[in-house]
Amino acid sequence: EDTPEMRRKYTRFIAQEVENDGRLPHFTEEAVEEVILEAQRRSGRKE
């Protein structure tokens, strides 16, 4: 379910991926928003 809490965790997920890779630049706020929009889109289900 798409809740504010899960969106915050998805933001942390992006930070985790960047930290674990060790070579990627960190994501801006707008870039994070676009990734979360893609997560909504890929779910194929409303909310």
All heavy atoms as atom14 arrays in JSON, in Angstrom:
{
  "sequence": "EDTPEMRRKYTRFIAQEVENDGRLPHFTEEAVEEVILEAQRRSGRKE",
  "atom14_mask": [
    [1, 1, 1, 1, 1, 1, 1, 1, 1, 0, 0, 0, 0, 0],
    [1, 1, 1, 1, 1, 1, 1, 1, 0, 0, 0, 0, 0, 0],
    [1, 1, 1, 1, 1, 1, 1, 0, 0, 0, 0, 0, 0, 0],
    [1, 1, 1, 1, 1, 1, 1, 0, 0, 0, 0, 0, 0, 0],
    [1, 1, 1, 1, 1, 1, 1, 1, 1, 0, 0, 0, 0, 0],
    [1, 1, 1, 1, 1, 1, 1, 1, 0, 0, 0, 0, 0, 0],
    [1, 1, 1, 1, 1, 1, 1, 1, 1, 1, 1, 0, 0, 0],
    [1, 1, 1, 1, 1, 1, 1, 1, 1, 1, 1, 0, 0, 0],
    [1, 1, 1, 1, 1, 1, 1, 1, 1, 0, 0, 0, 0, 0],
    [1, 1, 1, 1, 1, 1, 1, 1, 1, 1, 1, 1, 0, 0],
    [1, 1, 1, 1, 1, 1, 1, 0, 0, 0, 0, 0, 0, 0],
    [1, 1, 1, 1, 1, 1, 1, 1, 1, 1, 1, 0, 0, 0],
    [1, 1, 1, 1, 1, 1, 1, 1, 1, 1, 1, 0, 0, 0],
    [1, 1, 1, 1, 1, 1, 1, 1, 0, 0, 0, 0, 0, 0],
    [1, 1, 1, 1, 1, 0, 0, 0, 0, 0, 0, 0, 0, 0],
    [1, 1, 1, 1, 1, 1, 1, 1, 1, 0, 0, 0, 0, 0],
    [1, 1, 1, 1, 1, 1, 1, 1, 1, 0, 0, 0, 0, 0],
    [1, 1, 1, 1, 1, 1, 1, 0, 0, 0, 0, 0, 0, 0],
    [1, 1, 1, 1, 1, 1, 1, 1, 1, 0, 0, 0, 0, 0],
    [1, 1, 1, 1, 1, 1, 1, 1, 0, 0, 0, 0, 0, 0],
    [1, 1, 1, 1, 1, 1, 1, 1, 0, 0, 0, 0, 0, 0],
    [1, 1, 1, 1, 0, 0, 0, 0, 0, 0, 0, 0, 0, 0],
    [1, 1, 1, 1, 1, 1, 1, 1, 1, 1, 1, 0, 0, 0],
    [1, 1, 1, 1, 1, 1, 1, 1, 0, 0, 0, 0, 0, 0],
    [1, 1, 1, 1, 1, 1, 1, 0, 0, 0, 0, 0, 0, 0],
    [1, 1, 1, 1, 1, 1, 1, 1, 1, 1, 0, 0, 0, 0],
    [1, 1, 1, 1, 1, 1, 1, 1, 1, 1, 1, 0, 0, 0],
    [1, 1, 1, 1, 1, 1, 1, 0, 0, 0, 0, 0, 0, 0],
    [1, 1, 1, 1, 1, 1, 1, 1, 1, 0, 0, 0, 0, 0],
    [1, 1, 1, 1, 1, 1, 1, 1, 1, 0, 0, 0, 0, 0],
    [1, 1, 1, 1, 1, 0, 0, 0, 0, 0, 0, 0, 0, 0],
    [1, 1, 1, 1, 1, 1, 1, 0, 0, 0, 0, 0, 0, 0],
    [1, 1, 1, 1, 1, 1, 1, 1, 1, 0, 0, 0, 0, 0],
    [1, 1, 1, 1, 1, 1, 1, 1, 1, 0, 0, 0, 0, 0],
    [1, 1, 1, 1, 1, 1, 1, 0, 0, 0, 0, 0, 0, 0],
    [1, 1, 1, 1, 1, 1, 1, 1, 0, 0, 0, 0, 0, 0],
    [1, 1, 1, 1, 1, 1, 1, 1, 0, 0, 0, 0, 0, 0],
    [1, 1, 1, 1, 1, 1, 1, 1, 1, 0, 0, 0, 0, 0],
    [1, 1, 1, 1, 1, 0, 0, 0, 0, 0, 0, 0, 0, 0],
    [1, 1, 1, 1, 1, 1, 1, 1, 1, 0, 0, 0, 0, 0],
    [1, 1, 1, 1, 1, 1, 1, 1, 1, 1, 1, 0, 0, 0],
    [1, 1, 1, 1, 1, 1, 1, 1, 1, 1, 1, 0, 0, 0],
    [1, 1, 1, 1, 1, 1, 0, 0, 0, 0, 0, 0, 0, 0],
    [1, 1, 1, 1, 0, 0, 0, 0, 0, 0, 0, 0, 0, 0],
    [1, 1, 1, 1, 1, 1, 1, 1, 1, 1, 1, 0, 0, 0],
    [1, 1, 1, 1, 1, 1, 1, 1, 1, 0, 0, 0, 0, 0],
    [1, 1, 1, 1, 1, 1, 1, 1, 1, 0, 0, 0, 0, 0]
  ],
  "atom14_positions": [
    [[0.83, -1.2, 0.0], [0.0, 0.0, 0.0], [0.87, 1.26, 0.0], [1.86, 1.35, 0.72], [-0.92, -0.01, 1.22], [-1.95, 1.1, 1.23], [-2.88, 1.03, 2.43], [-2.8, 0.02, 3.17], [-3.67, 1.96, 2.62], [0.0, 0.0, 0.0], [0.0, 0.0, 0.0], [0.0, 0.0, 0.0], [0.0, 0.0, 0.0], [0.0, 0.0, 0.0]],
    [[0.47, 2.2, -0.82], [1.21, 3.46, -0.97], [0.83, 4.41, 0.17], [-0.19, 5.09, 0.11], [0.89, 4.08, -2.32], [1.68, 5.35, -2.59], [2.55, 5.68, -1.77], [1.43, 6.0, -3.63], [0.0, 0.0, 0.0], [0.0, 0.0, 0.0], [0.0, 0.0, 0.0], [0.0, 0.0, 0.0], [0.0, 0.0, 0.0], [0.0, 0.0, 0.0]],
    [[1.65, 4.45, 1.2], [1.43, 5.32, 2.35], [2.62, 6.26, 2.51], [3.7, 5.99, 1.97], [1.27, 4.49, 3.64], [2.51, 3.8, 3.9], [0.14, 3.48, 3.51], [0.0, 0.0, 0.0], [0.0, 0.0, 0.0], [0.0, 0.0, 0.0], [0.0, 0.0, 0.0], [0.0, 0.0, 0.0], [0.0, 0.0, 0.0], [0.0, 0.0, 0.0]],
    [[2.45, 7.37, 3.25], [3.6, 8.25, 3.49], [4.78, 7.52, 4.12], [5.94, 7.78, 3.79], [3.02, 9.32, 4.44], [1.56, 9.37, 4.11], [1.19, 7.95, 3.78], [0.0, 0.0, 0.0], [0.0, 0.0, 0.0], [0.0, 0.0, 0.0], [0.0, 0.0, 0.0], [0.0, 0.0, 0.0], [0.0, 0.0, 0.0], [0.0, 0.0, 0.0]],
    [[4.5, 6.59, 5.04], [5.58, 5.84, 5.68], [6.36, 5.03, 4.65], [7.6, 4.99, 4.68], [5.0, 4.91, 6.74], [6.06, 4.07, 7.46], [5.44, 3.08, 8.44], [4.21, 3.06, 8.57], [6.21, 2.33, 9.05], [0.0, 0.0, 0.0], [0.0, 0.0, 0.0], [0.0, 0.0, 0.0], [0.0, 0.0, 0.0], [0.0, 0.0, 0.0]],
    [[5.65, 4.36, 3.72], [6.34, 3.56, 2.71], [7.12, 4.45, 1.75], [8.2, 4.07, 1.29], [5.33, 2.7, 1.94], [4.75, 1.55, 2.74], [6.02, 0.55, 3.61], [7.07, 0.09, 2.24], [0.0, 0.0, 0.0], [0.0, 0.0, 0.0], [0.0, 0.0, 0.0], [0.0, 0.0, 0.0], [0.0, 0.0, 0.0], [0.0, 0.0, 0.0]],
    [[6.62, 5.64, 1.45], [7.36, 6.54, 0.57], [8.68, 6.96, 1.22], [9.71, 7.08, 0.55], [6.52, 7.77, 0.24], [5.29, 7.46, -0.62], [4.47, 8.72, -0.86], [3.23, 8.41, -1.57], [2.3, 9.3, -1.87], [2.48, 10.58, -1.5], [1.2, 8.95, -2.51], [0.0, 0.0, 0.0], [0.0, 0.0, 0.0], [0.0, 0.0, 0.0]],
    [[8.62, 7.17, 2.53], [9.87, 7.52, 3.25], [10.85, 6.34, 3.2], [12.06, 6.54, 3.05], [9.56, 7.91, 4.7], [8.73, 9.17, 4.84], [8.72, 9.68, 6.27], [8.08, 8.76, 7.2], [6.78, 8.75, 7.47], [5.98, 9.62, 6.85], [6.27, 7.91, 8.35], [0.0, 0.0, 0.0], [0.0, 0.0, 0.0], [0.0, 0.0, 0.0]],
    [[10.31, 5.13, 3.33], [11.19, 3.95, 3.27], [11.76, 3.76, 1.86], [12.89, 3.29, 1.71], [10.43, 2.71, 3.71], [10.18, 2.68, 5.22], [9.63, 1.35, 5.68], [9.5, 1.31, 7.2], [9.01, 0.0, 7.69], [0.0, 0.0, 0.0], [0.0, 0.0, 0.0], [0.0, 0.0, 0.0], [0.0, 0.0, 0.0], [0.0, 0.0, 0.0]],
    [[10.99, 4.11, 0.84], [11.52, 4.03, -0.52], [12.62, 5.05, -0.73], [13.59, 4.81, -1.47], [10.39, 4.23, -1.55], [9.73, 2.94, -1.95], [8.89, 2.26, -1.06], [9.95, 2.37, -3.19], [8.29, 1.07, -1.41], [9.35, 1.18, -3.56], [8.52, 0.53, -2.65], [7.94, -0.66, -3.0], [0.0, 0.0, 0.0], [0.0, 0.0, 0.0]],
    [[12.49, 6.21, -0.1], [13.57, 7.19, -0.15], [14.83, 6.61, 0.49], [15.94, 6.75, -0.04], [13.15, 8.48, 0.58], [11.93, 8.97, 0.03], [14.22, 9.55, 0.46], [0.0, 0.0, 0.0], [0.0, 0.0, 0.0], [0.0, 0.0, 0.0], [0.0, 0.0, 0.0], [0.0, 0.0, 0.0], [0.0, 0.0, 0.0], [0.0, 0.0, 0.0]],
    [[14.64, 5.93, 1.62], [15.8, 5.29, 2.27], [16.34, 4.15, 1.41], [17.55, 3.91, 1.38], [15.4, 4.76, 3.64], [16.59, 4.3, 4.48], [16.14, 3.65, 5.76], [15.43, 2.4, 5.51], [14.75, 1.73, 6.44], [14.66, 2.23, 7.66], [14.13, 0.61, 6.13], [0.0, 0.0, 0.0], [0.0, 0.0, 0.0], [0.0, 0.0, 0.0]],
    [[15.47, 3.46, 0.7], [15.91, 2.39, -0.2], [16.88, 2.93, -1.25], [17.91, 2.3, -1.55], [14.7, 1.75, -0.88], [15.03, 0.92, -2.08], [15.61, -0.33, -1.94], [14.78, 1.4, -3.36], [15.93, -1.09, -3.06], [15.1, 0.65, -4.48], [15.67, -0.6, -4.33], [0.0, 0.0, 0.0], [0.0, 0.0, 0.0], [0.0, 0.0, 0.0]],
    [[16.57, 4.1, -1.81], [17.47, 4.7, -2.8], [18.81, 5.03, -2.15], [19.88, 4.78, -2.73], [16.82, 5.96, -3.41], [15.54, 5.58, -4.14], [17.78, 6.68, -4.34], [14.69, 6.76, -4.58], [0.0, 0.0, 0.0], [0.0, 0.0, 0.0], [0.0, 0.0, 0.0], [0.0, 0.0, 0.0], [0.0, 0.0, 0.0], [0.0, 0.0, 0.0]],
    [[18.76, 5.57, -0.92], [20.02, 5.86, -0.2], [20.81, 4.57, 0.04], [22.04, 4.56, -0.07], [19.7, 6.56, 1.12], [0.0, 0.0, 0.0], [0.0, 0.0, 0.0], [0.0, 0.0, 0.0], [0.0, 0.0, 0.0], [0.0, 0.0, 0.0], [0.0, 0.0, 0.0], [0.0, 0.0, 0.0], [0.0, 0.0, 0.0], [0.0, 0.0, 0.0]],
    [[20.11, 3.49, 0.37], [20.78, 2.2, 0.59], [21.48, 1.72, -0.68], [22.62, 1.25, -0.63], [19.75, 1.14, 1.03], [19.21, 1.35, 2.42], [18.03, 0.46, 2.74], [17.37, 0.62, 3.75], [17.74, -0.49, 1.86], [0.0, 0.0, 0.0], [0.0, 0.0, 0.0], [0.0, 0.0, 0.0], [0.0, 0.0, 0.0], [0.0, 0.0, 0.0]],
    [[20.79, 1.82, -1.82], [21.37, 1.36, -3.07], [22.62, 2.17, -3.41], [23.62, 1.62, -3.88], [20.34, 1.49, -4.2], [19.17, 0.54, -4.07], [19.6, -0.92, -4.13], [20.22, -1.33, -5.12], [19.33, -1.65, -3.15], [0.0, 0.0, 0.0], [0.0, 0.0, 0.0], [0.0, 0.0, 0.0], [0.0, 0.0, 0.0], [0.0, 0.0, 0.0]],
    [[22.57, 3.47, -3.17], [23.73, 4.33, -3.44], [24.88, 3.97, -2.52], [26.04, 3.82, -2.96], [23.35, 5.82, -3.29], [24.59, 6.69, -3.38], [22.33, 6.22, -4.36], [0.0, 0.0, 0.0], [0.0, 0.0, 0.0], [0.0, 0.0, 0.0], [0.0, 0.0, 0.0], [0.0, 0.0, 0.0], [0.0, 0.0, 0.0], [0.0, 0.0, 0.0]],
    [[24.6, 3.78, -1.23], [25.65, 3.45, -0.27], [26.24, 2.07, -0.54], [27.46, 1.89, -0.48], [25.08, 3.5, 1.16], [24.71, 4.89, 1.65], [25.94, 5.77, 1.85], [27.03, 5.22, 2.07], [25.8, 7.01, 1.79], [0.0, 0.0, 0.0], [0.0, 0.0, 0.0], [0.0, 0.0, 0.0], [0.0, 0.0, 0.0], [0.0, 0.0, 0.0]],
    [[25.39, 1.11, -0.86], [25.88, -0.24, -1.1], [26.73, -0.32, -2.36], [27.67, -1.11, -2.43], [24.7, -1.22, -1.21], [23.99, -1.41, 0.11], [24.56, -1.18, 1.17], [22.73, -1.82, 0.06], [0.0, 0.0, 0.0], [0.0, 0.0, 0.0], [0.0, 0.0, 0.0], [0.0, 0.0, 0.0], [0.0, 0.0, 0.0], [0.0, 0.0, 0.0]],
    [[26.38, 0.46, -3.37], [27.18, 0.46, -4.6], [28.52, 1.14, -4.38], [29.56, 0.66, -4.85], [26.4, 1.15, -5.73], [27.09, 1.03, -7.07], [27.98, 1.87, -7.35], [26.76, 0.1, -7.84], [0.0, 0.0, 0.0], [0.0, 0.0, 0.0], [0.0, 0.0, 0.0], [0.0, 0.0, 0.0], [0.0, 0.0, 0.0], [0.0, 0.0, 0.0]],
    [[28.5, 2.25, -3.68], [29.75, 2.94, -3.34], [30.33, 3.83, -4.42], [31.33, 4.51, -4.19], [0.0, 0.0, 0.0], [0.0, 0.0, 0.0], [0.0, 0.0, 0.0], [0.0, 0.0, 0.0], [0.0, 0.0, 0.0], [0.0, 0.0, 0.0], [0.0, 0.0, 0.0], [0.0, 0.0, 0.0], [0.0, 0.0, 0.0], [0.0, 0.0, 0.0]],
    [[29.74, 3.85, -5.62], [30.31, 4.65, -6.71], [29.31, 5.64, -7.31], [29.66, 6.4, -8.21], [30.81, 3.73, -7.83], [31.95, 2.81, -7.44], [32.18, 1.75, -8.48], [31.02, 0.85, -8.57], [30.91, -0.15, -9.43], [31.88, -0.36, -10.3], [29.84, -0.92, -9.43], [0.0, 0.0, 0.0], [0.0, 0.0, 0.0], [0.0, 0.0, 0.0]],
    [[28.08, 5.62, -6.84], [27.04, 6.44, -7.45], [26.87, 7.76, -6.72], [26.97, 7.81, -5.49], [25.7, 5.69, -7.43], [25.68, 4.29, -8.06], [24.3, 3.68, -7.92], [26.1, 4.35, -9.52], [0.0, 0.0, 0.0], [0.0, 0.0, 0.0], [0.0, 0.0, 0.0], [0.0, 0.0, 0.0], [0.0, 0.0, 0.0], [0.0, 0.0, 0.0]],
    [[26.56, 8.84, -7.44], [26.23, 10.11, -6.78], [24.86, 9.99, -6.1], [23.98, 9.28, -6.59], [26.18, 11.11, -7.93], [26.78, 10.42, -9.12], [26.58, 8.96, -8.91], [0.0, 0.0, 0.0], [0.0, 0.0, 0.0], [0.0, 0.0, 0.0], [0.0, 0.0, 0.0], [0.0, 0.0, 0.0], [0.0, 0.0, 0.0], [0.0, 0.0, 0.0]],
    [[24.7, 10.66, -4.99], [23.42, 10.64, -4.29], [22.34, 11.34, -5.12], [22.64, 12.18, -5.98], [23.55, 11.29, -2.92], [24.06, 10.35, -1.87], [23.25, 9.44, -1.23], [25.3, 10.16, -1.37], [23.96, 8.73, -0.36], [25.21, 9.14, -0.43], [0.0, 0.0, 0.0], [0.0, 0.0, 0.0], [0.0, 0.0, 0.0], [0.0, 0.0, 0.0]],
    [[21.08, 10.99, -4.84], [19.95, 11.46, -5.63], [19.37, 12.74, -5.04], [19.24, 12.86, -3.82], [18.86, 10.39, -5.7], [19.13, 9.3, -6.7], [20.33, 8.6, -6.69], [18.19, 8.96, -7.65], [20.59, 7.59, -7.61], [18.42, 7.96, -8.57], [19.63, 7.27, -8.55], [0.0, 0.0, 0.0], [0.0, 0.0, 0.0], [0.0, 0.0, 0.0]],
    [[18.98, 13.66, -5.92], [18.31, 14.87, -5.47], [16.86, 14.54, -5.11], [16.34, 13.46, -5.41], [18.31, 15.94, -6.57], [17.55, 15.46, -7.69], [19.74, 16.25, -7.02], [0.0, 0.0, 0.0], [0.0, 0.0, 0.0], [0.0, 0.0, 0.0], [0.0, 0.0, 0.0], [0.0, 0.0, 0.0], [0.0, 0.0, 0.0], [0.0, 0.0, 0.0]],
    [[16.19, 15.5, -4.47], [14.79, 15.31, -4.08], [13.92, 15.01, -5.29], [13.07, 14.11, -5.27], [14.29, 16.56, -3.35], [12.84, 16.45, -2.9], [12.36, 17.73, -2.22], [13.15, 18.7, -2.15], [11.2, 17.75, -1.76], [0.0, 0.0, 0.0], [0.0, 0.0, 0.0], [0.0, 0.0, 0.0], [0.0, 0.0, 0.0], [0.0, 0.0, 0.0]],
    [[14.13, 15.75, -6.4], [13.32, 15.55, -7.6], [13.59, 14.18, -8.21], [12.67, 13.53, -8.73], [13.62, 16.64, -8.63], [13.18, 18.04, -8.22], [14.12, 18.67, -7.21], [15.25, 18.15, -7.05], [13.74, 19.68, -6.58], [0.0, 0.0, 0.0], [0.0, 0.0, 0.0], [0.0, 0.0, 0.0], [0.0, 0.0, 0.0], [0.0, 0.0, 0.0]],
    [[14.84, 13.72, -8.16], [15.17, 12.39, -8.69], [14.5, 11.29, -7.87], [13.99, 10.31, -8.43], [16.68, 12.2, -8.71], [0.0, 0.0, 0.0], [0.0, 0.0, 0.0], [0.0, 0.0, 0.0], [0.0, 0.0, 0.0], [0.0, 0.0, 0.0], [0.0, 0.0, 0.0], [0.0, 0.0, 0.0], [0.0, 0.0, 0.0], [0.0, 0.0, 0.0]],
    [[14.47, 11.47, -6.55], [13.8, 10.5, -5.68], [12.31, 10.44, -6.0], [11.71, 9.37, -6.08], [14.02, 10.85, -4.2], [13.18, 9.95, -3.3], [15.5, 10.72, -3.84], [0.0, 0.0, 0.0], [0.0, 0.0, 0.0], [0.0, 0.0, 0.0], [0.0, 0.0, 0.0], [0.0, 0.0, 0.0], [0.0, 0.0, 0.0], [0.0, 0.0, 0.0]],
    [[11.7, 11.61, -6.2], [10.27, 11.66, -6.53], [9.98, 10.91, -7.81], [8.97, 10.2, -7.93], [9.82, 13.12, -6.64], [9.79, 13.85, -5.31], [9.44, 15.32, -5.46], [9.44, 15.82, -6.6], [9.15, 15.97, -4.43], [0.0, 0.0, 0.0], [0.0, 0.0, 0.0], [0.0, 0.0, 0.0], [0.0, 0.0, 0.0], [0.0, 0.0, 0.0]],
    [[10.86, 11.03, -8.8], [10.64, 10.33, -10.07], [10.76, 8.82, -9.9], [10.01, 8.06, -10.52], [11.67, 10.83, -11.11], [11.38, 10.4, -12.53], [10.04, 10.9, -13.03], [9.69, 12.07, -12.74], [9.34, 10.13, -13.72], [0.0, 0.0, 0.0], [0.0, 0.0, 0.0], [0.0, 0.0, 0.0], [0.0, 0.0, 0.0], [0.0, 0.0, 0.0]],
    [[11.68, 8.37, -9.04], [11.81, 6.93, -8.78], [10.56, 6.4, -8.07], [10.06, 5.31, -8.38], [13.07, 6.64, -7.95], [13.11, 5.16, -7.54], [14.33, 6.99, -8.72], [0.0, 0.0, 0.0], [0.0, 0.0, 0.0], [0.0, 0.0, 0.0], [0.0, 0.0, 0.0], [0.0, 0.0, 0.0], [0.0, 0.0, 0.0], [0.0, 0.0, 0.0]],
    [[10.03, 7.17, -7.12], [8.81, 6.74, -6.4], [7.62, 6.71, -7.36], [6.77, 5.81, -7.29], [8.55, 7.67, -5.2], [9.66, 7.49, -4.15], [7.19, 7.37, -4.58], [9.56, 8.41, -2.97], [0.0, 0.0, 0.0], [0.0, 0.0, 0.0], [0.0, 0.0, 0.0], [0.0, 0.0, 0.0], [0.0, 0.0, 0.0], [0.0, 0.0, 0.0]],
    [[7.54, 7.67, -8.28], [6.48, 7.63, -9.29], [6.6, 6.37, -10.14], [5.59, 5.74, -10.5], [6.57, 8.87, -10.19], [6.03, 10.18, -9.62], [6.36, 11.35, -10.54], [4.52, 10.09, -9.41], [0.0, 0.0, 0.0], [0.0, 0.0, 0.0], [0.0, 0.0, 0.0], [0.0, 0.0, 0.0], [0.0, 0.0, 0.0], [0.0, 0.0, 0.0]],
    [[7.82, 5.99, -10.46], [8.03, 4.76, -11.23], [7.64, 3.52, -10.42], [7.12, 2.55, -10.96], [9.49, 4.66, -11.68], [9.82, 3.47, -12.55], [9.14, 3.52, -13.91], [8.59, 4.57, -14.29], [9.15, 2.47, -14.6], [0.0, 0.0, 0.0], [0.0, 0.0, 0.0], [0.0, 0.0, 0.0], [0.0, 0.0, 0.0], [0.0, 0.0, 0.0]],
    [[7.88, 3.56, -9.09], [7.46, 2.46, -8.23], [5.94, 2.34, -8.22], [5.4, 1.23, -8.21], [7.99, 2.68, -6.81], [0.0, 0.0, 0.0], [0.0, 0.0, 0.0], [0.0, 0.0, 0.0], [0.0, 0.0, 0.0], [0.0, 0.0, 0.0], [0.0, 0.0, 0.0], [0.0, 0.0, 0.0], [0.0, 0.0, 0.0], [0.0, 0.0, 0.0]],
    [[5.24, 3.48, -8.21], [3.78, 3.45, -8.3], [3.34, 2.87, -9.65], [2.44, 2.03, -9.72], [3.22, 4.87, -8.14], [3.43, 5.48, -6.77], [2.98, 6.93, -6.72], [2.85, 7.59, -7.76], [2.77, 7.45, -5.53], [0.0, 0.0, 0.0], [0.0, 0.0, 0.0], [0.0, 0.0, 0.0], [0.0, 0.0, 0.0], [0.0, 0.0, 0.0]],
    [[4.0, 3.3, -10.68], [3.63, 2.87, -12.04], [3.86, 1.37, -12.21], [3.04, 0.67, -12.8], [4.47, 3.67, -13.03], [4.14, 3.46, -14.48], [4.89, 4.48, -15.34], [4.64, 4.25, -16.75], [5.39, 3.48, -17.52], [6.44, 2.86, -17.0], [5.11, 3.32, -18.8], [0.0, 0.0, 0.0], [0.0, 0.0, 0.0], [0.0, 0.0, 0.0]],
    [[4.94, 0.87, -11.7], [5.28, -0.54, -11.89], [4.43, -1.47, -11.03], [4.39, -2.66, -11.27], [6.76, -0.78, -11.57], [7.71, -0.12, -12.56], [9.14, -0.55, -12.34], [10.06, 0.1, -13.26], [11.33, -0.23, -13.42], [11.84, -1.22, -12.7], [12.09, 0.41, -14.28], [0.0, 0.0, 0.0], [0.0, 0.0, 0.0], [0.0, 0.0, 0.0]],
    [[3.76, -0.92, -10.03], [2.92, -1.77, -9.19], [1.72, -2.3, -9.97], [1.24, -3.4, -9.69], [2.43, -0.99, -7.96], [1.47, -0.02, -8.33], [0.0, 0.0, 0.0], [0.0, 0.0, 0.0], [0.0, 0.0, 0.0], [0.0, 0.0, 0.0], [0.0, 0.0, 0.0], [0.0, 0.0, 0.0], [0.0, 0.0, 0.0], [0.0, 0.0, 0.0]],
    [[1.23, -1.51, -10.93], [0.08, -1.94, -11.71], [-1.22, -1.92, -10.93], [-2.23, -2.43, -11.41], [0.0, 0.0, 0.0], [0.0, 0.0, 0.0], [0.0, 0.0, 0.0], [0.0, 0.0, 0.0], [0.0, 0.0, 0.0], [0.0, 0.0, 0.0], [0.0, 0.0, 0.0], [0.0, 0.0, 0.0], [0.0, 0.0, 0.0], [0.0, 0.0, 0.0]],
    [[-1.21, -1.36, -9.73], [-2.42, -1.31, -8.88], [-2.57, 0.09, -8.32], [-1.58, 0.76, -8.01], [-2.32, -2.3, -7.72], [-2.28, -3.75, -8.12], [-2.17, -4.65, -6.9], [-3.33, -4.5, -6.02], [-3.41, -5.06, -4.82], [-2.4, -5.79, -4.35], [-4.49, -4.9, -4.08], [0.0, 0.0, 0.0], [0.0, 0.0, 0.0], [0.0, 0.0, 0.0]],
    [[-3.8, 0.51, -8.18], [-4.04, 1.84, -7.64], [-3.62, 1.9, -6.17], [-3.81, 0.96, -5.4], [-5.52, 2.21, -7.77], [-6.49, 1.19, -7.19], [-7.92, 1.54, -7.55], [-8.88, 0.45, -7.08], [-10.25, 0.69, -7.51], [0.0, 0.0, 0.0], [0.0, 0.0, 0.0], [0.0, 0.0, 0.0], [0.0, 0.0, 0.0], [0.0, 0.0, 0.0]],
    [[-2.99, 3.01, -5.82], [-2.56, 3.29, -4.45], [-1.64, 2.2, -3.9], [-1.71, 1.8, -2.74], [-3.77, 3.47, -3.53], [-4.65, 4.65, -3.94], [-5.87, 4.8, -3.05], [-6.04, 3.95, -2.14], [-6.66, 5.73, -3.26], [0.0, 0.0, 0.0], [0.0, 0.0, 0.0], [0.0, 0.0, 0.0], [0.0, 0.0, 0.0], [0.0, 0.0, 0.0]]
  ]
}
